[in-house]
Protein backbone atom coordinates (compact mmCIF):
# COMPACT_ATOMS: atom_id res chain seq x y z
CA MET A 1 44.81 -4.36 34.70
CA ASN A 2 45.63 -0.86 33.48
CA ASN A 3 42.63 1.22 34.52
CA ILE A 4 40.61 1.15 37.73
CA LEU A 5 37.44 3.22 38.00
CA LEU A 6 36.79 4.22 41.62
CA THR A 7 33.32 5.64 42.18
CA ILE A 8 32.75 8.08 45.00
CA LYS A 9 29.17 8.58 46.08
CA GLU A 10 29.57 10.62 49.27
CA PHE A 11 32.44 12.87 50.27
CA GLU A 12 31.98 12.50 54.04
CA ASN A 13 33.82 9.16 53.93
CA ALA A 14 36.11 9.89 50.98
CA SER A 15 39.63 10.58 52.14
CA ILE A 16 42.97 8.90 51.65
CA ALA A 17 42.37 7.17 55.01
CA SER A 18 38.97 5.70 54.09
CA PRO A 19 38.78 1.93 53.47
CA ILE A 20 37.63 2.25 49.86
CA VAL A 21 40.51 4.57 48.95
CA GLN A 22 43.09 2.55 50.91
CA GLN A 23 42.05 -0.67 49.16
CA THR A 24 42.09 1.05 45.77
CA VAL A 25 45.55 2.53 46.37
CA GLU A 26 46.91 -0.83 47.51
CA LEU A 27 45.45 -2.62 44.48
CA ALA A 28 46.66 0.08 42.06
CA ARG A 29 50.18 -0.12 43.47
CA CYS A 30 50.29 -3.91 43.17
CA LEU A 31 49.01 -3.86 39.60
CA SER A 32 50.67 -0.60 38.47
CA SER A 33 47.23 0.67 37.49
CA LYS A 34 45.93 4.14 36.86
CA VAL A 35 42.94 5.15 39.01
CA HIS A 36 40.10 7.27 37.67
CA VAL A 37 38.11 8.69 40.59
CA LEU A 38 34.54 9.28 39.42
CA HIS A 39 31.70 11.16 41.05
CA VAL A 40 28.38 11.30 39.23
CA VAL A 41 26.06 14.21 39.99
CA PRO A 42 22.43 13.24 39.33
CA THR A 43 20.58 15.48 36.90
CA THR A 44 18.43 18.13 38.60
CA HIS A 45 15.13 18.39 36.81
CA GLN A 46 13.58 21.59 38.06
CA THR A 47 13.59 24.10 40.89
CA PRO A 48 11.27 23.25 43.80
CA TYR A 49 8.18 25.48 43.63
CA ASN A 50 8.89 27.23 46.95
CA VAL A 51 12.57 28.05 46.29
CA ASP A 52 13.91 31.01 44.35
CA ALA A 53 15.41 29.72 41.06
CA GLU A 54 18.54 31.89 41.30
CA LEU A 55 19.15 30.84 44.91
CA PHE A 56 18.67 27.20 43.89
CA ARG A 57 21.21 27.49 41.04
CA CYS A 58 23.72 29.22 43.34
CA GLY A 59 23.34 26.43 45.89
CA ILE A 60 23.93 23.76 43.27
CA ALA A 61 26.95 25.63 41.89
CA ALA A 62 28.45 25.89 45.38
CA GLU A 63 27.90 22.17 45.96
CA LEU A 64 29.55 21.30 42.63
CA ARG A 65 32.56 23.48 43.47
CA TYR A 66 32.89 21.72 46.84
CA GLU A 67 32.64 18.26 45.24
CA HIS A 68 35.18 19.21 42.57
CA LYS A 69 37.59 20.47 45.24
CA CYS A 70 37.17 17.23 47.23
CA LEU A 71 37.85 15.11 44.13
CA GLN A 72 40.95 17.14 43.30
CA GLN A 73 42.25 16.78 46.87
CA LEU A 74 41.61 13.05 46.89
CA THR A 75 43.46 12.47 43.62
CA GLU A 76 46.33 14.66 44.82
CA ASP A 77 46.59 12.54 47.98
CA MET A 78 46.59 9.38 45.85
CA ARG A 79 49.39 10.78 43.68
CA ARG A 80 51.39 11.48 46.83
CA ALA A 81 50.89 7.80 47.67
CA ASP A 82 52.57 6.92 44.33
CA VAL A 83 49.39 6.10 42.41
CA GLU A 84 48.58 7.75 39.11
CA ALA A 85 45.12 9.23 39.66
CA ARG A 86 42.70 11.45 37.80
CA ALA A 87 39.44 13.05 38.97
CA LEU A 88 36.21 13.00 36.98
CA LEU A 89 33.05 14.88 37.91
CA VAL A 90 30.18 14.17 35.52
CA LYS A 91 26.46 14.87 35.49
CA GLY A 92 23.74 12.47 34.44
CA PRO A 93 22.00 9.21 35.37
CA ILE A 94 24.30 7.41 37.81
CA ILE A 95 24.37 3.90 36.33
CA SER A 96 24.51 5.12 32.73
CA MET A 97 27.36 7.51 33.46
CA ILE A 98 29.40 4.91 35.37
CA LEU A 99 29.00 2.47 32.47
CA TYR A 100 29.79 5.16 29.90
CA GLU A 101 32.96 6.28 31.72
CA ALA A 102 34.05 2.67 32.29
CA GLU A 103 33.79 1.99 28.57
CA ARG A 104 35.36 5.31 27.55
CA LEU A 105 38.33 4.77 29.88
CA ALA A 106 38.64 1.05 29.08
CA ALA A 107 38.30 0.28 32.79
CA ASN A 108 39.35 -3.20 33.81
CA LEU A 109 37.68 -2.92 37.22
CA ILE A 110 35.02 -0.75 38.83
CA ILE A 111 35.25 -0.22 42.59
CA LEU A 112 32.18 0.82 44.57
CA GLY A 113 31.66 1.49 48.26
CA ARG A 114 28.80 -0.45 49.79
CA HIS A 115 26.89 0.30 52.98
CA ARG A 116 25.51 -2.64 54.87
CA HIS A 117 21.71 -2.51 54.63
CA GLY A 118 18.97 -5.03 55.11
CA PRO A 119 16.58 -6.36 52.45
CA LEU A 120 13.83 -3.83 53.31
CA TYR A 121 16.14 -0.89 52.63
CA LEU A 122 17.29 -2.44 49.36
CA ALA A 123 13.70 -3.06 48.27
CA LEU A 124 12.65 0.54 48.91
CA MET A 125 15.69 2.52 47.81
CA ASP A 126 17.32 3.02 44.41
CA ASN A 127 19.95 0.32 44.14
CA THR A 128 22.82 1.43 41.95
CA ASP A 129 24.79 -1.72 42.76
CA GLN A 130 22.23 -4.14 41.29
CA GLY A 131 21.68 -2.03 38.19
CA LEU A 132 25.39 -1.73 37.58
CA ILE A 133 26.06 -5.45 37.97
CA ALA A 134 23.24 -6.29 35.57
CA LYS A 135 24.65 -4.08 32.80
CA CYS A 136 28.41 -3.99 33.39
CA GLU A 137 30.84 -5.91 31.19
CA CYS A 138 33.90 -5.60 33.45
CA PRO A 139 34.42 -6.87 37.01
CA VAL A 140 32.87 -4.86 39.86
CA MET A 141 34.42 -4.87 43.34
CA PHE A 142 32.46 -3.80 46.42
CA ILE A 143 34.24 -2.48 49.48
CA PRO A 144 32.30 -2.10 52.75
CA ILE A 145 32.22 1.48 53.97
């Protein structure tokens, strides 16, 4: 297992001490794997009608800079823990981009964090997990967060 693709959805819980990162680091060490830390930014279609377009673009740019900085810090922390890690920030449809990057990087495993939700939540909300499992050709590992 040479390449592990770790997907980060939210940065509030993404640190070297978080369960998903700890499990990934432990697995990467045991298997001498390289970790690709991926965050997919959904495509923004248009500016809301009541928001200034320039202000909206500036807000998005600031958010992307913050997310990029968090990814860089996380991969630096993983490298300090003796794991070869690389950060990827891409924009597009979440499932499609995860599958594209997994294929491009020849990922042997995709790791996703998973919140514990009931069936009503899963029925009403967009479920990346189910869509990914249906289309993915490599193993997918879920870690409770």
